[in-house]
């Protein structure tokens, strides 16, 4: 409700535009629910990072929980 067609979304506010949360009885259940939610999400008119989030959720190191605060920055 706070965005109009003629407005620009700057990098400073991009994370505030929308959030998607998932839960599950286990980390893996929540991860699968998030993958499903992202695969059913459509956002028009903006470049998004939906594919990057899905890739992260499927990355074997993320799945195994072998990540740290700089993992994403250094991910290959």
PDB file of N, CA and C in Angstrom:
ATOM      1  N   UNK A   1       0.819  -1.205   0.000  1.00  0.00           N
ATOM      2  CA  UNK A   1       0.000   0.000   0.000  1.00  0.00           C
ATOM      3  C   UNK A   1       0.854   1.255   0.000  1.00  0.00           C
ATOM      4  N   UNK A   2       2.144   1.126   0.267  1.00  0.00           N
ATOM      5  CA  UNK A   2       2.989   2.308   0.324  1.00  0.00           C
ATOM      6  C   UNK A   2       3.853   2.505  -0.897  1.00  0.00           C
ATOM      7  N   UNK A   3       3.577   1.772  -1.965  1.00  0.00           N
ATOM      8  CA  UNK A   3       4.389   1.867  -3.177  1.00  0.00           C
ATOM      9  C   UNK A   3       3.486   2.207  -4.343  1.00  0.00           C
ATOM     10  N   UNK A   4       3.917   3.147  -5.165  1.00  0.00           N
ATOM     11  CA  UNK A   4       3.146   3.526  -6.350  1.00  0.00           C
ATOM     12  C   UNK A   4       3.951   3.194  -7.606  1.00  0.00           C
ATOM     13  N   UNK A   5       3.267   3.135  -8.720  1.00  0.00           N
ATOM     14  CA  UNK A   5       3.891   2.756  -9.994  1.00  0.00           C
ATOM     15  C   UNK A   5       5.036   3.684 -10.377  1.00  0.00           C
ATOM     16  N   UNK A   6       4.969   4.951 -10.033  1.00  0.00           N
ATOM     17  CA  UNK A   6       6.007   5.887 -10.458  1.00  0.00           C
ATOM     18  C   UNK A   6       7.120   6.067  -9.427  1.00  0.00           C
ATOM     19  N   UNK A   7       7.123   5.303  -8.365  1.00  0.00           N
ATOM     20  CA  UNK A   7       8.155   5.392  -7.339  1.00  0.00           C
ATOM     21  C   UNK A   7       9.290   4.428  -7.636  1.00  0.00           C
ATOM     22  N   UNK A   8      10.475   4.750  -7.143  1.00  0.00           N
ATOM     23  CA  UNK A   8      11.632   3.862  -7.248  1.00  0.00           C
ATOM     24  C   UNK A   8      11.882   3.241  -5.873  1.00  0.00           C
ATOM     25  N   UNK A   9      12.172   1.967  -5.860  1.00  0.00           N
ATOM     26  CA  UNK A   9      12.530   1.286  -4.620  1.00  0.00           C
ATOM     27  C   UNK A   9      14.050   1.300  -4.542  1.00  0.00           C
ATOM     28  N   UNK A  10      14.589   2.024  -3.592  1.00  0.00           N
ATOM     29  CA  UNK A  10      16.044   2.137  -3.474  1.00  0.00           C
ATOM     30  C   UNK A  10      16.593   0.931  -2.714  1.00  0.00           C
ATOM     31  N   UNK A  11      17.897   0.690  -2.814  1.00  0.00           N
ATOM     32  CA  UNK A  11      18.504  -0.420  -2.070  1.00  0.00           C
ATOM     33  C   UNK A  11      18.358  -0.258  -0.555  1.00  0.00           C
ATOM     34  N   UNK A  12      18.145   0.966  -0.091  1.00  0.00           N
ATOM     35  CA  UNK A  12      18.024   1.209   1.343  1.00  0.00           C
ATOM     36  C   UNK A  12      16.694   0.718   1.908  1.00  0.00           C
ATOM     37  N   UNK A  13      15.677   0.566   1.063  1.00  0.00           N
ATOM     38  CA  UNK A  13      14.360   0.162   1.529  1.00  0.00           C
ATOM     39  C   UNK A  13      13.907  -1.173   0.965  1.00  0.00           C
ATOM     40  N   UNK A  14      14.660  -1.761   0.050  1.00  0.00           N
ATOM     41  CA  UNK A  14      14.265  -3.003  -0.594  1.00  0.00           C
ATOM     42  C   UNK A  14      13.853  -4.094   0.398  1.00  0.00           C
ATOM     43  N   UNK A  15      14.605  -4.352   1.486  1.00  0.00           N
ATOM     44  CA  UNK A  15      14.206  -5.412   2.413  1.00  0.00           C
ATOM     45  C   UNK A  15      12.892  -5.123   3.138  1.00  0.00           C
ATOM     46  N   UNK A  16      12.446  -3.883   3.096  1.00  0.00           N
ATOM     47  CA  UNK A  16      11.221  -3.531   3.801  1.00  0.00           C
ATOM     48  C   UNK A  16       9.974  -3.710   2.950  1.00  0.00           C
ATOM     49  N   UNK A  17      10.122  -4.050   1.682  1.00  0.00           N
ATOM     50  CA  UNK A  17       8.978  -4.137   0.784  1.00  0.00           C
ATOM     51  C   UNK A  17       8.111  -5.358   1.093  1.00  0.00           C
ATOM     52  N   UNK A  18       8.716  -6.508   1.318  1.00  0.00           N
ATOM     53  CA  UNK A  18       7.921  -7.715   1.585  1.00  0.00           C
ATOM     54  C   UNK A  18       8.752  -8.726   2.363  1.00  0.00           C
ATOM     55  N   UNK A  19       8.077  -9.533   3.136  1.00  0.00           N
ATOM     56  CA  UNK A  19       8.725 -10.611   3.878  1.00  0.00           C
ATOM     57  C   UNK A  19       7.918 -11.889   3.665  1.00  0.00           C
ATOM     58  N   UNK A  20       8.610 -13.013   3.601  1.00  0.00           N
ATOM     59  CA  UNK A  20       7.963 -14.321   3.555  1.00  0.00           C
ATOM     60  C   UNK A  20       8.575 -15.131   4.687  1.00  0.00           C
ATOM     61  N   UNK A  21       7.753 -15.745   5.491  1.00  0.00           N
ATOM     62  CA  UNK A  21       8.242 -16.570   6.599  1.00  0.00           C
ATOM     63  C   UNK A  21       7.671 -17.972   6.467  1.00  0.00           C
ATOM     64  N   UNK A  22       8.446 -18.954   6.876  1.00  0.00           N
ATOM     65  CA  UNK A  22       7.992 -20.346   6.856  1.00  0.00           C
ATOM     66  C   UNK A  22       8.392 -20.992   8.176  1.00  0.00           C
ATOM     67  N   UNK A  23       7.623 -21.964   8.583  1.00  0.00           N
ATOM     68  CA  UNK A  23       7.907 -22.696   9.813  1.00  0.00           C
ATOM     69  C   UNK A  23       7.683 -24.181   9.558  1.00  0.00           C
ATOM     70  N   UNK A  24       8.174 -24.993  10.451  1.00  0.00           N
ATOM     71  CA  UNK A  24       7.960 -26.431  10.377  1.00  0.00           C
ATOM     72  C   UNK A  24       8.378 -27.074  11.680  1.00  0.00           C
ATOM     73  N   UNK A  25       8.045 -28.327  11.854  1.00  0.00           N
ATOM     74  CA  UNK A  25       8.415 -29.012  13.086  1.00  0.00           C
ATOM     75  C   UNK A  25       9.917 -29.291  13.140  1.00  0.00           C
ATOM     76  N   UNK A  26      10.576 -29.248  11.968  1.00  0.00           N
ATOM     77  CA  UNK A  26      12.029 -29.371  11.891  1.00  0.00           C
ATOM     78  C   UNK A  26      12.550 -28.278  10.963  1.00  0.00           C
ATOM     79  N   UNK A  27      13.851 -28.061  11.010  1.00  0.00           N
ATOM     80  CA  UNK A  27      14.477 -27.080  10.121  1.00  0.00           C
ATOM     81  C   UNK A  27      14.234 -27.468   8.658  1.00  0.00           C
ATOM     82  N   UNK A  28      14.331 -28.761   8.369  1.00  0.00           N
ATOM     83  CA  UNK A  28      14.146 -29.215   7.000  1.00  0.00           C
ATOM     84  C   UNK A  28      12.703 -29.019   6.532  1.00  0.00           C
ATOM     85  N   UNK A  29      11.730 -29.249   7.417  1.00  0.00           N
ATOM     86  CA  UNK A  29      10.326 -28.982   7.064  1.00  0.00           C
ATOM     87  C   UNK A  29      10.141 -27.504   6.721  1.00  0.00           C
ATOM     88  N   UNK A  30      10.698 -26.636   7.544  1.00  0.00           N
ATOM     89  CA  UNK A  30      10.582 -25.196   7.294  1.00  0.00           C
ATOM     90  C   UNK A  30      11.272 -24.815   5.987  1.00  0.00           C
ATOM     91  N   UNK A  31      12.429 -25.422   5.730  1.00  0.00           N
ATOM     92  CA  UNK A  31      13.166 -25.145   4.493  1.00  0.00           C
ATOM     93  C   UNK A  31      12.338 -25.548   3.274  1.00  0.00           C
ATOM     94  N   UNK A  32      11.736 -26.720   3.314  1.00  0.00           N
ATOM     95  CA  UNK A  32      10.897 -27.160   2.194  1.00  0.00           C
ATOM     96  C   UNK A  32       9.665 -26.264   2.024  1.00  0.00           C
ATOM     97  N   UNK A  33       9.069 -25.839   3.113  1.00  0.00           N
ATOM     98  CA  UNK A  33       7.915 -24.937   3.021  1.00  0.00           C
ATOM     99  C   UNK A  33       8.320 -23.601   2.412  1.00  0.00           C
ATOM    100  N   UNK A  34       9.509 -23.120   2.757  1.00  0.00           N
ATOM    101  CA  UNK A  34       9.967 -21.853   2.187  1.00  0.00           C
ATOM    102  C   UNK A  34      10.234 -22.008   0.694  1.00  0.00           C
ATOM    103  N   UNK A  35      10.840 -23.102   0.283  1.00  0.00           N
ATOM    104  CA  UNK A  35      11.069 -23.353  -1.145  1.00  0.00           C
ATOM    105  C   UNK A  35       9.727 -23.355  -1.876  1.00  0.00           C
ATOM    106  N   UNK A  36       8.739 -24.020  -1.312  1.00  0.00           N
ATOM    107  CA  UNK A  36       7.412 -24.064  -1.919  1.00  0.00           C
ATOM    108  C   UNK A  36       6.798 -22.661  -1.993  1.00  0.00           C
ATOM    109  N   UNK A  37       6.907 -21.919  -0.908  1.00  0.00           N
ATOM    110  CA  UNK A  37       6.346 -20.556  -0.896  1.00  0.00           C
ATOM    111  C   UNK A  37       7.021 -19.679  -1.948  1.00  0.00           C
ATOM    112  N   UNK A  38       8.337 -19.757  -2.039  1.00  0.00           N
ATOM    113  CA  UNK A  38       9.059 -18.952  -3.025  1.00  0.00           C
ATOM    114  C   UNK A  38       8.697 -19.356  -4.450  1.00  0.00           C
ATOM    115  N   UNK A  39       8.490 -20.658  -4.671  1.00  0.00           N
ATOM    116  CA  UNK A  39       8.165 -21.116  -6.026  1.00  0.00           C
ATOM    117  C   UNK A  39       6.767 -20.672  -6.457  1.00  0.00           C
ATOM    118  N   UNK A  40       5.914 -20.321  -5.509  1.00  0.00           N
ATOM    119  CA  UNK A  40       4.570 -19.851  -5.818  1.00  0.00           C
ATOM    120  C   UNK A  40       4.429 -18.333  -5.698  1.00  0.00           C
ATOM    121  N   UNK A  41       5.548 -17.641  -5.554  1.00  0.00           N
ATOM    122  CA  UNK A  41       5.530 -16.193  -5.404  1.00  0.00           C
ATOM    123  C   UNK A  41       5.800 -15.514  -6.741  1.00  0.00           C
ATOM    124  N   UNK A  42       4.961 -14.559  -7.086  1.00  0.00           N
ATOM    125  CA  UNK A  42       5.143 -13.776  -8.304  1.00  0.00           C
ATOM    126  C   UNK A  42       5.160 -12.308  -7.925  1.00  0.00           C
ATOM    127  N   UNK A  43       6.183 -11.612  -8.369  1.00  0.00           N
ATOM    128  CA  UNK A  43       6.294 -10.171  -8.126  1.00  0.00           C
ATOM    129  C   UNK A  43       6.542  -9.524  -9.477  1.00  0.00           C
ATOM    130  N   UNK A  44       5.660  -8.628  -9.862  1.00  0.00           N
ATOM    131  CA  UNK A  44       5.793  -7.974 -11.154  1.00  0.00           C
ATOM    132  C   UNK A  44       6.391  -6.588 -11.032  1.00  0.00           C
ATOM    133  N   UNK A  45       7.139  -6.207 -12.046  1.00  0.00           N
ATOM    134  CA  UNK A  45       7.642  -4.851 -12.132  1.00  0.00           C
ATOM    135  C   UNK A  45       8.922  -4.563 -11.390  1.00  0.00           C
ATOM    136  N   UNK A  46       9.430  -5.531 -10.642  1.00  0.00           N
ATOM    137  CA  UNK A  46      10.670  -5.330  -9.890  1.00  0.00           C
ATOM    138  C   UNK A  46      11.617  -6.491 -10.146  1.00  0.00           C
ATOM    139  N   UNK A  47      12.891  -6.215 -10.072  1.00  0.00           N
ATOM    140  CA  UNK A  47      13.871  -7.284 -10.057  1.00  0.00           C
ATOM    141  C   UNK A  47      13.919  -7.805  -8.631  1.00  0.00           C
ATOM    142  N   UNK A  48      13.847  -9.121  -8.457  1.00  0.00           N
ATOM    143  CA  UNK A  48      13.830  -9.697  -7.113  1.00  0.00           C
ATOM    144  C   UNK A  48      15.000 -10.654  -6.920  1.00  0.00           C
ATOM    145  N   UNK A  49      15.155 -11.110  -5.696  1.00  0.00           N
ATOM    146  CA  UNK A  49      16.175 -12.097  -5.391  1.00  0.00           C
ATOM    147  C   UNK A  49      15.537 -13.439  -5.002  1.00  0.00           C
ATOM    148  N   UNK A  50      14.343 -13.712  -5.510  1.00  0.00           N
ATOM    149  CA  UNK A  50      13.650 -14.968  -5.203  1.00  0.00           C
ATOM    150  C   UNK A  50      14.489 -16.183  -5.605  1.00  0.00           C
ATOM    151  N   UNK A  51      15.065 -16.164  -6.791  1.00  0.00           N
ATOM    152  CA  UNK A  51      15.852 -17.304  -7.268  1.00  0.00           C
ATOM    153  C   UNK A  51      17.083 -17.526  -6.395  1.00  0.00           C
ATOM    154  N   UNK A  52      17.735 -16.452  -5.957  1.00  0.00           N
ATOM    155  CA  UNK A  52      18.900 -16.578  -5.103  1.00  0.00           C
ATOM    156  C   UNK A  52      18.526 -17.236  -3.778  1.00  0.00           C
ATOM    157  N   UNK A  53      17.390 -16.846  -3.201  1.00  0.00           N
ATOM    158  CA  UNK A  53      16.957 -17.453  -1.941  1.00  0.00           C
ATOM    159  C   UNK A  53      16.661 -18.945  -2.116  1.00  0.00           C
ATOM    160  N   UNK A  54      16.033 -19.300  -3.229  1.00  0.00           N
ATOM    161  CA  UNK A  54      15.754 -20.710  -3.492  1.00  0.00           C
ATOM    162  C   UNK A  54      17.055 -21.490  -3.659  1.00  0.00           C
ATOM    163  N   UNK A  55      18.013 -20.913  -4.371  1.00  0.00           N
ATOM    164  CA  UNK A  55      19.318 -21.563  -4.540  1.00  0.00           C
ATOM    165  C   UNK A  55      19.995 -21.790  -3.194  1.00  0.00           C
ATOM    166  N   UNK A  56      19.944 -20.800  -2.322  1.00  0.00           N
ATOM    167  CA  UNK A  56      20.541 -20.930  -0.988  1.00  0.00           C
ATOM    168  C   UNK A  56      19.861 -22.051  -0.217  1.00  0.00           C
ATOM    169  N   UNK A  57      18.543 -22.094  -0.253  1.00  0.00           N
ATOM    170  CA  UNK A  57      17.799 -23.117   0.483  1.00  0.00           C
ATOM    171  C   UNK A  57      18.084 -24.526  -0.017  1.00  0.00           C
ATOM    172  N   UNK A  58      18.546 -24.649  -1.252  1.00  0.00           N
ATOM    173  CA  UNK A  58      18.870 -25.955  -1.835  1.00  0.00           C
ATOM    174  C   UNK A  58      20.359 -26.276  -1.783  1.00  0.00           C
ATOM    175  N   UNK A  59      21.176 -25.324  -1.402  1.00  0.00           N
ATOM    176  CA  UNK A  59      22.615 -25.522  -1.354  1.00  0.00           C
ATOM    177  C   UNK A  59      22.954 -26.594  -0.306  1.00  0.00           C
ATOM    178  N   UNK A  60      23.751 -27.604  -0.684  1.00  0.00           N
ATOM    179  CA  UNK A  60      24.071 -28.682   0.251  1.00  0.00           C
ATOM    180  C   UNK A  60      24.674 -28.204   1.580  1.00  0.00           C
ATOM    181  N   UNK A  61      25.487 -27.169   1.549  1.00  0.00           N
ATOM    182  CA  UNK A  61      26.064 -26.665   2.798  1.00  0.00           C
ATOM    183  C   UNK A  61      24.989 -26.031   3.678  1.00  0.00           C
ATOM    184  N   UNK A  62      24.057 -25.324   3.068  1.00  0.00           N
ATOM    185  CA  UNK A  62      22.957 -24.748   3.856  1.00  0.00           C
ATOM    186  C   UNK A  62      22.078 -25.864   4.415  1.00  0.00           C
ATOM    187  N   UNK A  63      21.765 -26.844   3.580  1.00  0.00           N
ATOM    188  CA  UNK A  63      20.932 -27.969   4.008  1.00  0.00           C
ATOM    189  C   UNK A  63      21.570 -28.658   5.211  1.00  0.00           C
ATOM    190  N   UNK A  64      22.881 -28.812   5.180  1.00  0.00           N
ATOM    191  CA  UNK A  64      23.596 -29.483   6.267  1.00  0.00           C
ATOM    192  C   UNK A  64      23.819 -28.579   7.479  1.00  0.00           C
ATOM    193  N   UNK A  65      23.491 -27.294   7.343  1.00  0.00           N
ATOM    194  CA  UNK A  65      23.699 -26.366   8.450  1.00  0.00           C
ATOM    195  C   UNK A  65      25.147 -25.954   8.622  1.00  0.00           C
ATOM    196  N   UNK A  66      25.938 -26.096   7.562  1.00  0.00           N
ATOM    197  CA  UNK A  66      27.360 -25.751   7.620  1.00  0.00           C
ATOM    198  C   UNK A  66      27.597 -24.365   7.024  1.00  0.00           C
ATOM    199  N   UNK A  67      26.947 -23.371   7.589  1.00  0.00           N
ATOM    200  CA  UNK A  67      27.080 -21.999   7.120  1.00  0.00           C
ATOM    201  C   UNK A  67      27.479 -21.104   8.292  1.00  0.00           C
ATOM    202  N   UNK A  68      27.987 -19.945   7.965  1.00  0.00           N
ATOM    203  CA  UNK A  68      28.401 -18.967   8.969  1.00  0.00           C
ATOM    204  C   UNK A  68      28.094 -17.581   8.442  1.00  0.00           C
ATOM    205  N   UNK A  69      28.407 -16.572   9.200  1.00  0.00           N
ATOM    206  CA  UNK A  69      27.983 -15.211   8.848  1.00  0.00           C
ATOM    207  C   UNK A  69      28.564 -14.706   7.538  1.00  0.00           C
ATOM    208  N   UNK A  70      29.700 -15.197   7.098  1.00  0.00           N
ATOM    209  CA  UNK A  70      30.254 -14.748   5.813  1.00  0.00           C
ATOM    210  C   UNK A  70      30.073 -15.780   4.702  1.00  0.00           C
ATOM    211  N   UNK A  71      29.340 -16.864   4.977  1.00  0.00           N
ATOM    212  CA  UNK A  71      29.167 -17.922   3.994  1.00  0.00           C
ATOM    213  C   UNK A  71      28.519 -17.406   2.707  1.00  0.00           C
ATOM    214  N   UNK A  72      27.461 -16.673   2.817  1.00  0.00           N
ATOM    215  CA  UNK A  72      26.762 -16.193   1.627  1.00  0.00           C
ATOM    216  C   UNK A  72      27.652 -15.282   0.788  1.00  0.00           C
ATOM    217  N   UNK A  73      28.383 -14.431   1.447  1.00  0.00           N
ATOM    218  CA  UNK A  73      29.287 -13.507   0.757  1.00  0.00           C
ATOM    219  C   UNK A  73      30.370 -14.259  -0.019  1.00  0.00           C
ATOM    220  N   UNK A  74      30.821 -15.385   0.510  1.00  0.00           N
ATOM    221  CA  UNK A  74      31.898 -16.155  -0.100  1.00  0.00           C
ATOM    222  C   UNK A  74      31.419 -17.374  -0.888  1.00  0.00           C
ATOM    223  N   UNK A  75      30.115 -17.545  -0.973  1.00  0.00           N
ATOM    224  CA  UNK A  75      29.532 -18.712  -1.636  1.00  0.00           C
ATOM    225  C   UNK A  75      29.912 -18.750  -3.107  1.00  0.00           C
ATOM    226  N   UNK A  76      30.259 -19.938  -3.605  1.00  0.00           N
ATOM    227  CA  UNK A  76      30.635 -20.092  -5.018  1.00  0.00           C
ATOM    228  C   UNK A  76      29.661 -20.980  -5.720  1.00  0.00           C
TER     229      UNK A  76
END
